[in-house]
């Protein structure tokens, strides 16, 4: 049985509860990580909890809900290995799986009708990652989890394409930051 972690803040409680019941009625095991009422809470804790459950393998997928869906999707995406997508319709939900291999789906209760959320959720669960041309992009998303500070993805050297102005600007910033770090290390050393 597939386990799906669900989480919400107070503004997403009603839709989260509705979707959890919908999933159970379809035979999914639901790992409800809260919130458990409409009392005010902060969404980062719940988005991160769902993200951790998915990243650790405790759940295969996750569903997050807050008032707009934006905050909780940002929180979930802070967890390494999570690809959370904020959606409001079946087409975007399906594409988030097919093209981005999204493993957490996020909704805004204030902007998504319950029936539309059900339809989007089932479209997402029934879709499959297409791989192919999308695989390299998803791998780059995964690589972003390994980066820090001013590191940026390097272009494919084999492409032969010139570096874009934004990439050259990033290189200049990275060089300046590395210079400052080197001077600080020299002062400490």
N, C-alpha and C. Protein backbone atom coordinates (compact mmCIF):
# COMPACT_ATOMS: atom_id res chain seq x y z
N UNK A 1 0.84 -1.17 0.00
CA UNK A 1 0.00 0.00 0.00
C UNK A 1 0.89 1.24 0.00
N UNK A 2 0.56 2.19 -0.83
CA UNK A 2 1.33 3.42 -0.94
C UNK A 2 0.99 4.36 0.20
N UNK A 3 2.02 4.87 0.88
CA UNK A 3 1.83 5.82 1.97
C UNK A 3 2.01 7.24 1.46
N UNK A 4 1.07 8.09 1.82
CA UNK A 4 1.12 9.50 1.44
C UNK A 4 1.07 10.33 2.72
N UNK A 5 2.10 11.15 2.92
CA UNK A 5 2.13 12.05 4.07
C UNK A 5 1.32 13.30 3.73
N UNK A 6 0.55 13.78 4.70
CA UNK A 6 -0.23 15.00 4.50
C UNK A 6 0.07 15.95 5.65
N UNK A 7 0.07 17.24 5.32
CA UNK A 7 0.32 18.24 6.34
C UNK A 7 -0.28 19.57 5.93
N UNK A 8 -0.57 20.41 6.93
CA UNK A 8 -1.19 21.70 6.65
C UNK A 8 -0.98 22.65 7.82
N UNK A 9 -1.27 23.92 7.57
CA UNK A 9 -1.39 24.86 8.66
C UNK A 9 -2.88 25.04 8.93
N UNK A 10 -3.22 25.98 9.78
CA UNK A 10 -4.62 26.21 10.14
C UNK A 10 -5.48 26.58 8.94
N UNK A 11 -4.91 27.34 7.99
CA UNK A 11 -5.68 27.80 6.84
C UNK A 11 -5.89 26.71 5.79
N UNK A 12 -5.19 25.60 5.95
CA UNK A 12 -5.35 24.49 5.02
C UNK A 12 -5.98 23.26 5.65
N UNK A 13 -6.39 23.39 6.90
CA UNK A 13 -6.88 22.24 7.65
C UNK A 13 -8.08 21.54 6.98
N UNK A 14 -9.07 22.29 6.55
CA UNK A 14 -10.27 21.67 5.98
C UNK A 14 -9.98 20.91 4.69
N UNK A 15 -9.19 21.50 3.81
CA UNK A 15 -8.86 20.82 2.56
C UNK A 15 -7.94 19.63 2.81
N UNK A 16 -6.98 19.77 3.71
CA UNK A 16 -6.10 18.63 4.04
C UNK A 16 -6.91 17.46 4.57
N UNK A 17 -7.82 17.74 5.49
CA UNK A 17 -8.65 16.68 6.07
C UNK A 17 -9.50 16.02 4.99
N UNK A 18 -10.06 16.83 4.12
CA UNK A 18 -10.88 16.30 3.01
C UNK A 18 -10.05 15.42 2.09
N UNK A 19 -8.87 15.88 1.72
CA UNK A 19 -8.02 15.08 0.82
C UNK A 19 -7.51 13.82 1.50
N UNK A 20 -7.23 13.87 2.79
CA UNK A 20 -6.79 12.68 3.51
C UNK A 20 -7.89 11.61 3.48
N UNK A 21 -9.12 12.02 3.71
CA UNK A 21 -10.24 11.07 3.65
C UNK A 21 -10.43 10.54 2.24
N UNK A 22 -10.27 11.41 1.27
CA UNK A 22 -10.37 10.99 -0.14
C UNK A 22 -9.32 9.93 -0.46
N UNK A 23 -8.09 10.15 -0.01
CA UNK A 23 -7.02 9.17 -0.25
C UNK A 23 -7.32 7.84 0.44
N UNK A 24 -7.77 7.89 1.68
CA UNK A 24 -8.10 6.66 2.40
C UNK A 24 -9.19 5.88 1.68
N UNK A 25 -10.17 6.58 1.15
CA UNK A 25 -11.27 5.91 0.44
C UNK A 25 -10.80 5.27 -0.86
N UNK A 26 -9.62 5.70 -1.35
CA UNK A 26 -9.05 5.13 -2.58
C UNK A 26 -8.00 4.07 -2.27
N UNK A 27 -7.85 3.71 -1.00
CA UNK A 27 -6.95 2.63 -0.62
C UNK A 27 -5.54 3.04 -0.27
N UNK A 28 -5.26 4.32 -0.16
CA UNK A 28 -3.93 4.79 0.21
C UNK A 28 -3.81 4.83 1.73
N UNK A 29 -2.60 4.58 2.22
CA UNK A 29 -2.32 4.77 3.63
C UNK A 29 -1.92 6.22 3.82
N UNK A 30 -2.53 6.90 4.77
CA UNK A 30 -2.28 8.32 4.99
C UNK A 30 -1.51 8.50 6.30
N UNK A 31 -0.40 9.20 6.20
CA UNK A 31 0.40 9.58 7.36
C UNK A 31 0.10 11.06 7.62
N UNK A 32 -0.78 11.32 8.57
CA UNK A 32 -1.21 12.69 8.85
C UNK A 32 -0.26 13.33 9.85
N UNK A 33 0.48 14.34 9.38
CA UNK A 33 1.50 14.99 10.19
C UNK A 33 1.01 16.32 10.78
N UNK A 34 -0.29 16.56 10.72
CA UNK A 34 -0.87 17.77 11.29
C UNK A 34 -0.98 18.87 10.24
N UNK A 35 -1.46 19.89 10.67
CA UNK A 35 -2.08 20.28 11.90
C UNK A 35 -3.39 19.50 12.08
N UNK A 36 -3.81 19.40 13.31
CA UNK A 36 -4.98 18.59 13.62
C UNK A 36 -6.19 19.43 13.99
N UNK A 37 -6.14 20.73 13.72
CA UNK A 37 -7.27 21.61 13.98
C UNK A 37 -7.07 22.89 13.17
N UNK A 38 -8.07 23.76 13.26
CA UNK A 38 -7.98 25.05 12.57
C UNK A 38 -7.39 26.13 13.48
N UNK A 39 -6.80 25.72 14.60
CA UNK A 39 -6.12 26.68 15.48
C UNK A 39 -4.84 27.15 14.81
N UNK A 40 -4.51 28.42 14.97
CA UNK A 40 -3.37 29.02 14.29
C UNK A 40 -2.06 28.29 14.59
N UNK A 41 -1.37 27.94 13.52
CA UNK A 41 -0.03 27.35 13.58
C UNK A 41 0.78 27.91 12.42
N UNK A 42 2.06 27.60 12.38
CA UNK A 42 2.94 28.10 11.32
C UNK A 42 3.24 27.01 10.30
N UNK A 43 3.03 27.34 9.03
CA UNK A 43 3.17 26.35 7.96
C UNK A 43 4.57 25.77 7.77
N UNK A 44 5.67 26.48 8.09
CA UNK A 44 6.98 25.88 7.82
C UNK A 44 7.18 24.52 8.50
N UNK A 45 6.69 24.39 9.71
CA UNK A 45 6.86 23.12 10.44
C UNK A 45 6.19 21.96 9.71
N UNK A 46 5.02 22.22 9.16
CA UNK A 46 4.25 21.14 8.55
C UNK A 46 4.73 20.83 7.13
N UNK A 47 5.13 21.85 6.40
CA UNK A 47 5.72 21.61 5.07
C UNK A 47 7.01 20.83 5.20
N UNK A 48 7.83 21.19 6.18
CA UNK A 48 9.09 20.48 6.41
C UNK A 48 8.84 19.05 6.88
N UNK A 49 7.84 18.85 7.73
CA UNK A 49 7.54 17.50 8.22
C UNK A 49 7.13 16.58 7.08
N UNK A 50 6.29 17.08 6.18
CA UNK A 50 5.91 16.27 5.01
C UNK A 50 7.13 16.02 4.14
N UNK A 51 7.93 17.05 3.91
CA UNK A 51 9.14 16.89 3.11
C UNK A 51 10.07 15.85 3.69
N UNK A 52 10.28 15.89 5.00
CA UNK A 52 11.16 14.90 5.65
C UNK A 52 10.61 13.49 5.51
N UNK A 53 9.30 13.34 5.64
CA UNK A 53 8.69 12.00 5.52
C UNK A 53 8.91 11.44 4.11
N UNK A 54 8.81 12.29 3.11
CA UNK A 54 9.02 11.84 1.73
C UNK A 54 10.51 11.58 1.48
N UNK A 55 11.36 12.51 1.88
CA UNK A 55 12.80 12.37 1.65
C UNK A 55 13.38 11.15 2.36
N UNK A 56 12.84 10.81 3.52
CA UNK A 56 13.35 9.66 4.28
C UNK A 56 12.80 8.33 3.80
N UNK A 57 11.75 8.38 2.97
CA UNK A 57 11.12 7.15 2.50
C UNK A 57 9.99 6.66 3.38
N UNK A 58 9.73 7.39 4.45
CA UNK A 58 8.61 7.02 5.33
C UNK A 58 7.29 7.08 4.56
N UNK A 59 7.21 8.00 3.61
CA UNK A 59 6.06 8.12 2.72
C UNK A 59 6.59 8.21 1.30
N UNK A 60 5.83 7.68 0.36
CA UNK A 60 6.26 7.76 -1.04
C UNK A 60 6.01 9.15 -1.61
N UNK A 61 4.88 9.75 -1.23
CA UNK A 61 4.50 11.06 -1.72
C UNK A 61 4.00 11.91 -0.57
N UNK A 62 3.85 13.20 -0.82
CA UNK A 62 3.32 14.11 0.18
C UNK A 62 2.31 15.07 -0.41
N UNK A 63 1.42 15.54 0.44
CA UNK A 63 0.43 16.54 0.08
C UNK A 63 0.45 17.60 1.18
N UNK A 64 0.60 18.86 0.77
CA UNK A 64 0.64 19.98 1.71
C UNK A 64 -0.42 21.01 1.34
N UNK A 65 -1.01 21.62 2.37
CA UNK A 65 -2.02 22.65 2.14
C UNK A 65 -1.82 23.78 3.14
N UNK A 66 -1.84 25.00 2.64
CA UNK A 66 -1.94 26.17 3.50
C UNK A 66 -2.92 27.12 2.83
N UNK A 67 -3.04 28.34 3.31
CA UNK A 67 -4.02 29.25 2.75
C UNK A 67 -3.82 29.50 1.27
N UNK A 68 -2.62 29.87 0.88
CA UNK A 68 -2.32 30.12 -0.53
C UNK A 68 -1.61 28.96 -1.20
N UNK A 69 -0.99 28.10 -0.41
CA UNK A 69 -0.17 27.01 -0.94
C UNK A 69 1.28 27.41 -1.16
N UNK A 70 1.54 28.70 -1.20
CA UNK A 70 2.88 29.19 -1.50
C UNK A 70 3.85 28.90 -0.35
N UNK A 71 3.51 29.33 0.84
CA UNK A 71 4.42 29.18 1.98
C UNK A 71 4.77 27.74 2.27
N UNK A 72 3.77 26.88 2.27
CA UNK A 72 4.03 25.48 2.61
C UNK A 72 4.82 24.78 1.52
N UNK A 73 4.64 25.21 0.26
CA UNK A 73 5.44 24.62 -0.82
C UNK A 73 6.90 25.06 -0.71
N UNK A 74 7.12 26.31 -0.31
CA UNK A 74 8.50 26.77 -0.09
C UNK A 74 9.14 25.97 1.03
N UNK A 75 8.39 25.76 2.11
CA UNK A 75 8.92 25.00 3.25
C UNK A 75 9.26 23.58 2.85
N UNK A 76 8.38 22.92 2.13
CA UNK A 76 8.63 21.54 1.71
C UNK A 76 9.86 21.47 0.80
N UNK A 77 10.00 22.45 -0.07
CA UNK A 77 11.12 22.45 -1.01
C UNK A 77 12.46 22.73 -0.35
N UNK A 78 12.47 23.15 0.90
CA UNK A 78 13.72 23.35 1.63
C UNK A 78 14.35 22.02 2.04
N UNK A 79 13.59 20.95 1.97
CA UNK A 79 14.09 19.64 2.37
C UNK A 79 14.75 18.97 1.17
N UNK A 80 15.99 18.57 1.34
CA UNK A 80 16.75 17.95 0.26
C UNK A 80 16.03 16.70 -0.24
N UNK A 81 15.87 16.61 -1.55
CA UNK A 81 15.21 15.46 -2.16
C UNK A 81 13.74 15.68 -2.46
N UNK A 82 13.22 16.83 -2.03
CA UNK A 82 11.81 17.13 -2.27
C UNK A 82 11.67 18.00 -3.51
N UNK A 83 10.69 17.65 -4.32
CA UNK A 83 10.30 18.46 -5.47
C UNK A 83 8.81 18.73 -5.31
N UNK A 84 8.49 19.80 -4.58
CA UNK A 84 7.10 20.15 -4.29
C UNK A 84 6.57 21.09 -5.36
N UNK A 85 5.35 20.83 -5.80
CA UNK A 85 4.71 21.64 -6.84
C UNK A 85 3.40 22.19 -6.32
N UNK A 86 3.23 23.50 -6.44
CA UNK A 86 1.97 24.15 -6.08
C UNK A 86 1.08 24.13 -7.30
N UNK A 87 -0.09 23.52 -7.17
CA UNK A 87 -1.01 23.39 -8.30
C UNK A 87 -2.42 23.77 -7.88
N UNK A 88 -3.26 24.03 -8.88
CA UNK A 88 -4.67 24.31 -8.60
C UNK A 88 -5.60 23.61 -9.57
N UNK A 89 -5.01 22.81 -10.48
CA UNK A 89 -5.84 22.09 -11.44
C UNK A 89 -5.16 20.79 -11.84
N UNK A 90 -5.93 19.93 -12.50
CA UNK A 90 -5.44 18.60 -12.87
C UNK A 90 -4.30 18.66 -13.88
N UNK A 91 -4.37 19.58 -14.82
CA UNK A 91 -3.34 19.64 -15.86
C UNK A 91 -1.98 19.98 -15.26
N UNK A 92 -1.92 20.98 -14.40
CA UNK A 92 -0.62 21.34 -13.80
C UNK A 92 -0.14 20.24 -12.86
N UNK A 93 -1.05 19.57 -12.17
CA UNK A 93 -0.66 18.47 -11.28
C UNK A 93 -0.06 17.33 -12.09
N UNK A 94 -0.71 16.97 -13.17
CA UNK A 94 -0.22 15.87 -14.01
C UNK A 94 1.15 16.22 -14.61
N UNK A 95 1.28 17.43 -15.10
CA UNK A 95 2.56 17.85 -15.69
C UNK A 95 3.67 17.91 -14.64
N UNK A 96 3.32 18.26 -13.40
CA UNK A 96 4.34 18.31 -12.36
C UNK A 96 4.96 16.94 -12.12
N UNK A 97 4.18 15.90 -12.31
CA UNK A 97 4.72 14.54 -12.18
C UNK A 97 5.43 14.13 -13.46
N UNK A 98 4.79 14.34 -14.61
CA UNK A 98 5.35 13.89 -15.88
C UNK A 98 6.67 14.57 -16.20
N UNK A 99 6.77 15.87 -15.96
CA UNK A 99 7.95 16.62 -16.37
C UNK A 99 8.94 16.90 -15.24
N UNK A 100 8.45 17.02 -14.01
CA UNK A 100 9.31 17.43 -12.89
C UNK A 100 9.48 16.34 -11.84
N UNK A 101 8.81 15.23 -12.01
CA UNK A 101 8.83 14.13 -11.04
C UNK A 101 8.55 14.65 -9.63
N UNK A 102 7.54 15.55 -9.53
CA UNK A 102 7.17 16.11 -8.23
C UNK A 102 6.78 14.99 -7.28
N UNK A 103 7.30 15.05 -6.07
CA UNK A 103 6.97 14.03 -5.07
C UNK A 103 6.14 14.60 -3.92
N UNK A 104 5.88 15.90 -3.95
CA UNK A 104 4.97 16.54 -3.00
C UNK A 104 4.08 17.49 -3.80
N UNK A 105 2.78 17.38 -3.55
CA UNK A 105 1.81 18.24 -4.22
C UNK A 105 1.24 19.22 -3.20
N UNK A 106 1.17 20.50 -3.57
CA UNK A 106 0.72 21.54 -2.65
C UNK A 106 -0.50 22.26 -3.21
N UNK A 107 -1.39 22.63 -2.29
CA UNK A 107 -2.60 23.35 -2.65
C UNK A 107 -2.79 24.55 -1.73
N UNK A 108 -3.50 25.54 -2.24
CA UNK A 108 -3.96 26.66 -1.44
C UNK A 108 -5.45 26.49 -1.19
N UNK A 109 -5.83 26.35 0.06
CA UNK A 109 -7.25 26.13 0.35
C UNK A 109 -8.10 27.32 -0.06
N UNK A 110 -7.56 28.51 0.05
CA UNK A 110 -8.34 29.71 -0.28
C UNK A 110 -8.58 29.87 -1.78
N UNK A 111 -7.80 29.18 -2.60
CA UNK A 111 -7.91 29.37 -4.05
C UNK A 111 -8.26 28.09 -4.81
N UNK A 112 -8.50 26.99 -4.11
CA UNK A 112 -8.75 25.72 -4.79
C UNK A 112 -10.03 25.09 -4.26
N UNK A 113 -10.95 24.83 -5.17
CA UNK A 113 -12.18 24.13 -4.80
C UNK A 113 -11.83 22.69 -4.42
N UNK A 114 -12.55 22.14 -3.46
CA UNK A 114 -12.25 20.80 -2.98
C UNK A 114 -12.32 19.77 -4.10
N UNK A 115 -13.33 19.85 -4.95
CA UNK A 115 -13.47 18.89 -6.05
C UNK A 115 -12.31 19.02 -7.04
N UNK A 116 -11.89 20.24 -7.31
CA UNK A 116 -10.74 20.46 -8.21
C UNK A 116 -9.47 19.89 -7.59
N UNK A 117 -9.33 20.03 -6.28
CA UNK A 117 -8.16 19.47 -5.59
C UNK A 117 -8.16 17.95 -5.66
N UNK A 118 -9.31 17.33 -5.47
CA UNK A 118 -9.43 15.87 -5.59
C UNK A 118 -9.01 15.41 -6.98
N UNK A 119 -9.54 16.08 -7.99
CA UNK A 119 -9.24 15.72 -9.38
C UNK A 119 -7.75 15.89 -9.67
N UNK A 120 -7.18 17.00 -9.21
CA UNK A 120 -5.75 17.25 -9.42
C UNK A 120 -4.91 16.21 -8.71
N UNK A 121 -5.28 15.88 -7.49
CA UNK A 121 -4.53 14.88 -6.71
C UNK A 121 -4.53 13.53 -7.41
N UNK A 122 -5.67 13.10 -7.89
CA UNK A 122 -5.74 11.79 -8.55
C UNK A 122 -5.00 11.81 -9.90
N UNK A 123 -5.07 12.93 -10.62
CA UNK A 123 -4.32 13.04 -11.87
C UNK A 123 -2.83 12.92 -11.60
N UNK A 124 -2.37 13.55 -10.53
CA UNK A 124 -0.96 13.51 -10.13
C UNK A 124 -0.54 12.09 -9.74
N UNK A 125 -1.36 11.44 -8.93
CA UNK A 125 -1.02 10.09 -8.49
C UNK A 125 -1.04 9.08 -9.63
N UNK A 126 -1.88 9.31 -10.62
CA UNK A 126 -1.98 8.38 -11.75
C UNK A 126 -0.96 8.67 -12.85
N UNK A 127 -0.33 9.82 -12.80
CA UNK A 127 0.67 10.18 -13.82
C UNK A 127 2.00 9.51 -13.48
N UNK A 128 2.83 9.39 -14.49
CA UNK A 128 4.17 8.82 -14.30
C UNK A 128 5.21 9.78 -14.87
N UNK A 129 6.37 9.79 -14.25
CA UNK A 129 7.47 10.60 -14.74
C UNK A 129 7.87 10.09 -16.12
N UNK A 130 7.98 11.00 -17.08
CA UNK A 130 8.29 10.62 -18.46
C UNK A 130 9.77 10.37 -18.70
N UNK A 131 10.64 10.87 -17.83
CA UNK A 131 12.07 10.70 -18.05
C UNK A 131 12.49 11.41 -19.31
N UNK A 132 13.31 10.74 -20.12
CA UNK A 132 13.75 11.33 -21.38
C UNK A 132 14.38 12.69 -21.18
N UNK A 133 13.94 13.65 -21.96
CA UNK A 133 14.53 15.00 -21.91
C UNK A 133 14.33 15.64 -20.55
N UNK A 134 13.35 15.18 -19.78
CA UNK A 134 13.08 15.76 -18.47
C UNK A 134 14.04 15.24 -17.40
N UNK A 135 14.64 14.08 -17.64
CA UNK A 135 15.51 13.46 -16.64
C UNK A 135 16.71 14.35 -16.31
N UNK A 136 17.35 14.91 -17.32
CA UNK A 136 18.52 15.76 -17.06
C UNK A 136 18.13 16.98 -16.24
N UNK A 137 16.95 17.51 -16.48
CA UNK A 137 16.50 18.69 -15.73
C UNK A 137 16.22 18.33 -14.27
N UNK A 138 15.60 17.18 -14.06
CA UNK A 138 15.33 16.75 -12.68
C UNK A 138 16.65 16.45 -11.97
N UNK A 139 17.62 15.88 -12.68
CA UNK A 139 18.93 15.65 -12.07
C UNK A 139 19.58 16.97 -11.68
N UNK A 140 19.40 18.01 -12.48
CA UNK A 140 19.94 19.32 -12.12
C UNK A 140 19.24 19.87 -10.89
N UNK A 141 17.94 19.64 -10.79
CA UNK A 141 17.23 20.05 -9.57
C UNK A 141 17.80 19.33 -8.36
N UNK A 142 18.05 18.04 -8.52
CA UNK A 142 18.63 17.26 -7.41
C UNK A 142 20.03 17.78 -7.08
N UNK A 143 20.79 18.17 -8.09
CA UNK A 143 22.14 18.71 -7.86
C UNK A 143 22.10 20.00 -7.06
N UNK A 144 21.03 20.78 -7.21
CA UNK A 144 20.93 22.02 -6.45
C UNK A 144 20.94 21.76 -4.95
N UNK A 145 20.50 20.60 -4.53
CA UNK A 145 20.54 20.25 -3.11
C UNK A 145 21.97 20.13 -2.60
N UNK A 146 22.91 19.89 -3.49
CA UNK A 146 24.31 19.69 -3.10
C UNK A 146 25.09 21.00 -3.11
N UNK A 147 24.50 22.03 -3.66
CA UNK A 147 25.21 23.30 -3.81
C UNK A 147 25.08 24.16 -2.58
N UNK A 148 26.02 25.08 -2.42
CA UNK A 148 25.92 26.05 -1.33
C UNK A 148 26.54 27.35 -1.77
N UNK A 149 26.30 28.37 -1.00
CA UNK A 149 26.82 29.70 -1.24
C UNK A 149 26.60 30.13 -2.69
N UNK A 150 27.68 30.45 -3.40
CA UNK A 150 27.56 30.99 -4.74
C UNK A 150 27.81 29.96 -5.82
N UNK A 151 27.88 28.69 -5.43
CA UNK A 151 28.06 27.66 -6.45
C UNK A 151 26.88 27.69 -7.40
N UNK A 152 27.15 27.45 -8.66
CA UNK A 152 26.08 27.39 -9.65
C UNK A 152 26.30 26.15 -10.50
N UNK A 153 25.26 25.70 -11.14
CA UNK A 153 25.41 24.57 -12.03
C UNK A 153 26.31 24.96 -13.18
N UNK A 154 27.18 24.07 -13.54
CA UNK A 154 28.07 24.36 -14.67
C UNK A 154 27.38 23.94 -15.96
N UNK A 155 27.66 24.66 -17.05
CA UNK A 155 27.03 24.29 -18.31
C UNK A 155 27.66 23.01 -18.84
N UNK A 156 26.94 22.35 -19.68
CA UNK A 156 27.50 21.16 -20.31
C UNK A 156 28.59 21.62 -21.28
N UNK A 157 29.81 21.24 -20.98
CA UNK A 157 30.93 21.68 -21.81
C UNK A 157 30.78 21.17 -23.25
N UNK A 158 30.15 20.03 -23.40
CA UNK A 158 30.03 19.44 -24.74
C UNK A 158 29.05 20.20 -25.62
N UNK A 159 28.25 21.06 -25.02
CA UNK A 159 27.23 21.74 -25.82
C UNK A 159 27.85 22.73 -26.79
N UNK A 160 29.00 23.29 -26.43
CA UNK A 160 29.65 24.24 -27.32
C UNK A 160 28.97 25.59 -27.36
N UNK A 161 27.92 25.77 -26.60
CA UNK A 161 27.22 27.05 -26.61
C UNK A 161 27.98 28.06 -25.76
N UNK A 162 27.95 29.33 -26.16
CA UNK A 162 28.61 30.35 -25.35
C UNK A 162 27.86 30.53 -24.03
N UNK A 163 28.58 30.97 -23.04
CA UNK A 163 27.95 31.20 -21.73
C UNK A 163 27.05 32.43 -21.82
N UNK A 164 25.91 32.35 -21.18
CA UNK A 164 24.93 33.44 -21.22
C UNK A 164 25.43 34.61 -20.37
N UNK A 165 24.88 35.80 -20.62
CA UNK A 165 25.26 36.95 -19.79
C UNK A 165 24.98 36.70 -18.31
N UNK A 166 23.88 36.03 -17.99
CA UNK A 166 23.59 35.78 -16.57
C UNK A 166 24.58 34.80 -15.98
N UNK A 167 25.04 33.84 -16.77
CA UNK A 167 26.04 32.88 -16.28
C UNK A 167 27.38 33.59 -16.08
N UNK A 168 27.74 34.49 -17.02
CA UNK A 168 28.98 35.24 -16.86
C UNK A 168 28.91 36.14 -15.62
N UNK A 169 27.74 36.76 -15.38
CA UNK A 169 27.57 37.58 -14.18
C UNK A 169 27.71 36.73 -12.93
N UNK A 170 27.14 35.54 -12.94
CA UNK A 170 27.26 34.64 -11.78
C UNK A 170 28.72 34.26 -11.57
N UNK A 171 29.45 34.05 -12.66
CA UNK A 171 30.88 33.73 -12.54
C UNK A 171 31.64 34.89 -11.89
N UNK A 172 31.31 36.13 -12.28
CA UNK A 172 31.99 37.30 -11.69
C UNK A 172 31.68 37.40 -10.20
N UNK A 173 30.41 37.19 -9.84
CA UNK A 173 30.03 37.27 -8.42
C UNK A 173 30.73 36.16 -7.65
N UNK A 174 30.73 34.96 -8.20
CA UNK A 174 31.39 33.85 -7.52
C UNK A 174 32.87 34.15 -7.32
N UNK A 175 33.51 34.71 -8.35
CA UNK A 175 34.92 35.06 -8.25
C UNK A 175 35.17 36.11 -7.17
N UNK A 176 34.29 37.11 -7.11
CA UNK A 176 34.45 38.14 -6.09
C UNK A 176 34.27 37.56 -4.70
N UNK A 177 33.29 36.70 -4.53
CA UNK A 177 33.05 36.08 -3.22
C UNK A 177 34.23 35.20 -2.83
N UNK A 178 34.75 34.44 -3.79
CA UNK A 178 35.91 33.59 -3.49
C UNK A 178 37.12 34.45 -3.10
N UNK A 179 37.26 35.62 -3.74
CA UNK A 179 38.36 36.52 -3.39
C UNK A 179 38.22 37.04 -1.97
N UNK A 180 37.00 37.42 -1.58
CA UNK A 180 36.76 37.89 -0.22
C UNK A 180 37.03 36.77 0.77
N UNK A 181 36.59 35.60 0.48
CA UNK A 181 36.82 34.45 1.38
C UNK A 181 38.32 34.18 1.53
N UNK A 182 39.05 34.25 0.44
CA UNK A 182 40.50 34.00 0.49
C UNK A 182 41.18 35.04 1.36
N UNK A 183 40.79 36.32 1.24
CA UNK A 183 41.37 37.36 2.07
C UNK A 183 41.04 37.15 3.56
N UNK A 184 39.80 36.74 3.82
CA UNK A 184 39.41 36.47 5.22
C UNK A 184 40.20 35.29 5.78
N UNK A 185 40.39 34.25 4.99
CA UNK A 185 41.18 33.09 5.45
C UNK A 185 42.62 33.51 5.72
N UNK A 186 43.16 34.37 4.85
CA UNK A 186 44.54 34.83 5.02
C UNK A 186 44.69 35.65 6.30
N UNK A 187 43.70 36.48 6.61
CA UNK A 187 43.75 37.28 7.84
C UNK A 187 43.69 36.40 9.08
N UNK A 188 42.86 35.34 9.01
CA UNK A 188 42.71 34.44 10.15
C UNK A 188 43.92 33.54 10.32
N UNK A 189 44.54 33.21 9.20
CA UNK A 189 45.58 32.19 9.15
C UNK A 189 46.89 32.58 9.65
